[in-house]
Amino acid sequence: MLEIFALVVLGVLALVGVWLIVVIGNVPGNIARAAEHPQADAISMLAWIGLLTLGLGWLVALVWAKTKPVFSSAALENRVADLEARLQQREEGA
């Protein structure tokens, strides 16, 4: 009887351990999504891969989730459009 109880306790501890890993693995991705970070999917992926590196990548993902990108996507698209227009002008002038 005691062996069965020990197996049940061991099974419950294993399930709690898996649940805890899933919760911890989701933290950086959830933070990034809540802040509407443009690279939220990449942060989430790095967090999951980071768990395989004993937490180093997870910590990097956590820091990345808390930082804002220097350029917004709209500003970057405007810069690219401006550079393309300048390149087109040079090609027409040459």
N, C-alpha and C. Protein backbone atom coordinates (compact mmCIF):
# COMPACT_ATOMS: atom_id res chain seq x y z
N MET A 1 0.83 -1.21 0.00
CA MET A 1 0.00 0.00 0.00
C MET A 1 0.86 1.26 0.00
N LEU A 2 1.94 1.23 0.75
CA LEU A 2 2.82 2.39 0.83
C LEU A 2 3.51 2.66 -0.50
N GLU A 3 3.80 1.58 -1.25
CA GLU A 3 4.44 1.76 -2.55
C GLU A 3 3.51 2.47 -3.54
N ILE A 4 2.23 2.14 -3.49
CA ILE A 4 1.25 2.78 -4.38
C ILE A 4 1.14 4.27 -4.03
N PHE A 5 1.09 4.57 -2.75
CA PHE A 5 1.02 5.97 -2.32
C PHE A 5 2.26 6.73 -2.78
N ALA A 6 3.43 6.12 -2.67
CA ALA A 6 4.67 6.76 -3.11
C ALA A 6 4.65 7.02 -4.61
N LEU A 7 4.13 6.07 -5.40
CA LEU A 7 4.04 6.26 -6.84
C LEU A 7 3.06 7.38 -7.20
N VAL A 8 1.95 7.47 -6.48
CA VAL A 8 0.98 8.54 -6.73
C VAL A 8 1.61 9.89 -6.42
N VAL A 9 2.32 9.98 -5.29
CA VAL A 9 2.99 11.24 -4.93
C VAL A 9 4.05 11.59 -5.97
N LEU A 10 4.81 10.61 -6.42
CA LEU A 10 5.83 10.85 -7.44
C LEU A 10 5.20 11.31 -8.75
N GLY A 11 4.09 10.72 -9.12
CA GLY A 11 3.39 11.15 -10.34
C GLY A 11 2.87 12.57 -10.24
N VAL A 12 2.30 12.90 -9.09
CA VAL A 12 1.81 14.27 -8.89
C VAL A 12 2.96 15.27 -8.94
N LEU A 13 4.08 14.95 -8.31
CA LEU A 13 5.25 15.83 -8.35
C LEU A 13 5.78 16.00 -9.78
N ALA A 14 5.77 14.93 -10.56
CA ALA A 14 6.22 15.02 -11.95
C ALA A 14 5.29 15.93 -12.75
N LEU A 15 3.97 15.79 -12.56
CA LEU A 15 3.02 16.65 -13.26
C LEU A 15 3.17 18.12 -12.86
N VAL A 16 3.37 18.36 -11.58
CA VAL A 16 3.58 19.74 -11.11
C VAL A 16 4.86 20.30 -11.70
N GLY A 17 5.90 19.48 -11.80
CA GLY A 17 7.16 19.93 -12.40
C GLY A 17 6.99 20.31 -13.86
N VAL A 18 6.27 19.49 -14.62
CA VAL A 18 6.02 19.81 -16.04
C VAL A 18 5.19 21.08 -16.15
N TRP A 19 4.17 21.20 -15.32
CA TRP A 19 3.33 22.41 -15.34
C TRP A 19 4.16 23.65 -15.02
N LEU A 20 5.06 23.55 -14.06
CA LEU A 20 5.90 24.68 -13.67
C LEU A 20 6.84 25.08 -14.80
N ILE A 21 7.39 24.10 -15.50
CA ILE A 21 8.27 24.41 -16.65
C ILE A 21 7.49 25.12 -17.74
N VAL A 22 6.27 24.69 -18.00
CA VAL A 22 5.43 25.34 -19.03
C VAL A 22 5.11 26.78 -18.62
N VAL A 23 4.77 27.00 -17.37
CA VAL A 23 4.45 28.35 -16.91
C VAL A 23 5.67 29.25 -17.00
N ILE A 24 6.82 28.76 -16.54
CA ILE A 24 8.04 29.57 -16.58
C ILE A 24 8.48 29.82 -18.02
N GLY A 25 8.32 28.83 -18.90
CA GLY A 25 8.70 29.01 -20.29
C GLY A 25 7.86 30.05 -21.02
N ASN A 26 6.64 30.25 -20.58
CA ASN A 26 5.75 31.21 -21.23
C ASN A 26 5.91 32.64 -20.74
N VAL A 27 6.63 32.87 -19.65
CA VAL A 27 6.69 34.21 -19.05
C VAL A 27 7.22 35.27 -20.01
N PRO A 28 8.40 35.12 -20.65
CA PRO A 28 8.87 36.19 -21.53
C PRO A 28 7.93 36.46 -22.71
N GLY A 29 7.37 35.41 -23.30
CA GLY A 29 6.44 35.59 -24.41
C GLY A 29 5.18 36.32 -23.99
N ASN A 30 4.68 35.99 -22.81
CA ASN A 30 3.47 36.66 -22.31
C ASN A 30 3.74 38.13 -22.01
N ILE A 31 4.91 38.43 -21.46
CA ILE A 31 5.28 39.82 -21.19
C ILE A 31 5.38 40.60 -22.49
N ALA A 32 6.01 39.99 -23.51
CA ALA A 32 6.16 40.66 -24.80
C ALA A 32 4.81 40.89 -25.47
N ARG A 33 3.92 39.91 -25.41
CA ARG A 33 2.60 40.08 -26.02
C ARG A 33 1.78 41.14 -25.29
N ALA A 34 1.90 41.19 -23.98
CA ALA A 34 1.15 42.19 -23.21
C ALA A 34 1.64 43.59 -23.53
N ALA A 35 2.93 43.74 -23.81
CA ALA A 35 3.49 45.05 -24.16
C ALA A 35 3.39 45.33 -25.66
N GLU A 36 2.77 44.42 -26.41
CA GLU A 36 2.64 44.53 -27.87
C GLU A 36 3.99 44.72 -28.54
N HIS A 37 4.95 43.92 -28.12
CA HIS A 37 6.30 43.96 -28.69
C HIS A 37 6.24 43.39 -30.10
N PRO A 38 6.90 44.02 -31.09
CA PRO A 38 6.80 43.53 -32.47
C PRO A 38 7.48 42.18 -32.68
N GLN A 39 8.41 41.80 -31.83
CA GLN A 39 9.09 40.51 -31.98
C GLN A 39 8.63 39.52 -30.90
N ALA A 40 7.38 39.56 -30.54
CA ALA A 40 6.88 38.72 -29.45
C ALA A 40 7.03 37.23 -29.76
N ASP A 41 6.80 36.84 -31.01
CA ASP A 41 6.94 35.43 -31.36
C ASP A 41 8.38 34.96 -31.25
N ALA A 42 9.31 35.80 -31.68
CA ALA A 42 10.73 35.44 -31.58
C ALA A 42 11.17 35.36 -30.12
N ILE A 43 10.65 36.24 -29.30
CA ILE A 43 10.98 36.22 -27.87
C ILE A 43 10.45 34.94 -27.24
N SER A 44 9.25 34.56 -27.60
CA SER A 44 8.67 33.33 -27.06
C SER A 44 9.49 32.11 -27.49
N MET A 45 9.91 32.08 -28.74
CA MET A 45 10.71 30.96 -29.22
C MET A 45 12.05 30.90 -28.51
N LEU A 46 12.69 32.06 -28.32
CA LEU A 46 13.97 32.09 -27.61
C LEU A 46 13.80 31.62 -26.17
N ALA A 47 12.70 31.96 -25.55
CA ALA A 47 12.46 31.52 -24.17
C ALA A 47 12.37 30.00 -24.10
N TRP A 48 11.67 29.38 -25.04
CA TRP A 48 11.55 27.92 -25.01
C TRP A 48 12.88 27.25 -25.33
N ILE A 49 13.60 27.78 -26.31
CA ILE A 49 14.93 27.22 -26.61
C ILE A 49 15.87 27.49 -25.45
N GLY A 50 15.70 28.63 -24.82
CA GLY A 50 16.55 29.00 -23.69
C GLY A 50 16.41 28.07 -22.51
N LEU A 51 15.26 27.44 -22.35
CA LEU A 51 15.12 26.46 -21.27
C LEU A 51 16.04 25.27 -21.49
N LEU A 52 16.34 24.97 -22.75
CA LEU A 52 17.26 23.87 -23.06
C LEU A 52 18.70 24.23 -22.74
N THR A 53 19.00 25.53 -22.68
CA THR A 53 20.36 25.98 -22.36
C THR A 53 20.49 26.31 -20.88
N LEU A 54 19.71 25.64 -20.08
CA LEU A 54 19.74 25.81 -18.62
C LEU A 54 19.41 27.23 -18.17
N GLY A 55 18.59 27.92 -18.93
CA GLY A 55 18.07 29.20 -18.51
C GLY A 55 18.76 30.42 -19.06
N LEU A 56 19.91 30.28 -19.71
CA LEU A 56 20.62 31.45 -20.23
C LEU A 56 19.81 32.15 -21.31
N GLY A 57 19.33 31.41 -22.29
CA GLY A 57 18.51 32.00 -23.34
C GLY A 57 17.20 32.54 -22.80
N TRP A 58 16.66 31.90 -21.76
CA TRP A 58 15.42 32.37 -21.15
C TRP A 58 15.62 33.75 -20.54
N LEU A 59 16.77 33.95 -19.88
CA LEU A 59 17.06 35.27 -19.30
C LEU A 59 17.22 36.33 -20.38
N VAL A 60 17.87 35.97 -21.48
CA VAL A 60 18.02 36.90 -22.60
C VAL A 60 16.64 37.26 -23.15
N ALA A 61 15.77 36.27 -23.29
CA ALA A 61 14.41 36.53 -23.79
C ALA A 61 13.64 37.42 -22.82
N LEU A 62 13.84 37.24 -21.54
CA LEU A 62 13.16 38.07 -20.56
C LEU A 62 13.60 39.53 -20.67
N VAL A 63 14.90 39.76 -20.83
CA VAL A 63 15.41 41.12 -21.01
C VAL A 63 14.91 41.71 -22.32
N TRP A 64 14.92 40.90 -23.38
CA TRP A 64 14.46 41.35 -24.69
C TRP A 64 12.98 41.73 -24.64
N ALA A 65 12.20 40.99 -23.88
CA ALA A 65 10.76 41.28 -23.78
C ALA A 65 10.51 42.62 -23.10
N LYS A 66 11.41 43.03 -22.22
CA LYS A 66 11.23 44.28 -21.50
C LYS A 66 11.78 45.49 -22.24
N THR A 67 12.52 45.29 -23.35
CA THR A 67 13.08 46.41 -24.10
C THR A 67 12.18 46.73 -25.29
N LYS A 68 12.20 47.98 -25.66
CA LYS A 68 11.45 48.42 -26.83
C LYS A 68 12.42 48.55 -28.00
N PRO A 69 12.00 48.20 -29.22
CA PRO A 69 12.88 48.35 -30.37
C PRO A 69 13.20 49.82 -30.63
N VAL A 70 14.39 50.06 -31.16
CA VAL A 70 14.81 51.43 -31.43
C VAL A 70 13.96 52.02 -32.56
N PHE A 71 13.72 51.25 -33.59
CA PHE A 71 12.93 51.70 -34.72
C PHE A 71 11.58 51.01 -34.70
N SER A 72 10.55 51.79 -34.94
CA SER A 72 9.24 51.16 -35.13
C SER A 72 9.19 50.64 -36.56
N SER A 73 8.30 49.74 -36.84
CA SER A 73 8.21 49.18 -38.18
C SER A 73 7.79 50.25 -39.19
N ALA A 74 6.95 51.18 -38.79
CA ALA A 74 6.52 52.24 -39.70
C ALA A 74 7.70 53.14 -40.05
N ALA A 75 8.52 53.49 -39.07
CA ALA A 75 9.69 54.34 -39.34
C ALA A 75 10.68 53.62 -40.23
N LEU A 76 10.84 52.33 -40.01
CA LEU A 76 11.76 51.55 -40.84
C LEU A 76 11.25 51.45 -42.27
N GLU A 77 9.95 51.26 -42.44
CA GLU A 77 9.38 51.20 -43.79
C GLU A 77 9.53 52.54 -44.50
N ASN A 78 9.37 53.64 -43.77
CA ASN A 78 9.57 54.96 -44.37
C ASN A 78 11.01 55.16 -44.81
N ARG A 79 11.96 54.69 -43.99
CA ARG A 79 13.37 54.80 -44.35
C ARG A 79 13.69 53.99 -45.60
N VAL A 80 13.16 52.80 -45.69
CA VAL A 80 13.39 51.94 -46.86
C VAL A 80 12.79 52.59 -48.10
N ALA A 81 11.59 53.12 -47.98
CA ALA A 81 10.95 53.78 -49.12
C ALA A 81 11.75 54.99 -49.57
N ASP A 82 12.28 55.76 -48.63
CA ASP A 82 13.11 56.91 -48.96
C ASP A 82 14.39 56.49 -49.67
N LEU A 83 15.03 55.45 -49.18
CA LEU A 83 16.26 54.96 -49.82
C LEU A 83 15.98 54.42 -51.22
N GLU A 84 14.85 53.74 -51.39
CA GLU A 84 14.50 53.24 -52.72
C GLU A 84 14.24 54.39 -53.69
N ALA A 85 13.59 55.45 -53.22
CA ALA A 85 13.32 56.60 -54.07
C ALA A 85 14.63 57.29 -54.47
N ARG A 86 15.56 57.42 -53.51
CA ARG A 86 16.85 58.03 -53.82
C ARG A 86 17.65 57.17 -54.80
N LEU A 87 17.57 55.85 -54.66
CA LEU A 87 18.26 54.95 -55.59
C LEU A 87 17.65 55.06 -56.97
N GLN A 88 16.33 55.17 -57.05
CA GLN A 88 15.65 55.31 -58.34
C GLN A 88 16.07 56.61 -59.03
N GLN A 89 16.21 57.70 -58.27
CA GLN A 89 16.64 58.98 -58.83
C GLN A 89 18.06 58.88 -59.37
N ARG A 90 18.94 58.19 -58.68
CA ARG A 90 20.33 58.03 -59.14
C ARG A 90 20.38 57.21 -60.43
N GLU A 91 19.55 56.16 -60.51
CA GLU A 91 19.54 55.34 -61.71
C GLU A 91 19.01 56.12 -62.91
N GLU A 92 18.03 56.98 -62.69
CA GLU A 92 17.49 57.78 -63.78
C GLU A 92 18.46 58.87 -64.21
N GLY A 93 19.24 59.39 -63.25
CA GLY A 93 20.20 60.46 -63.57
C GLY A 93 21.44 59.95 -64.26
N ALA A 94 21.77 58.69 -64.11
CA ALA A 94 23.02 58.16 -64.69
C ALA A 94 22.86 57.71 -66.11
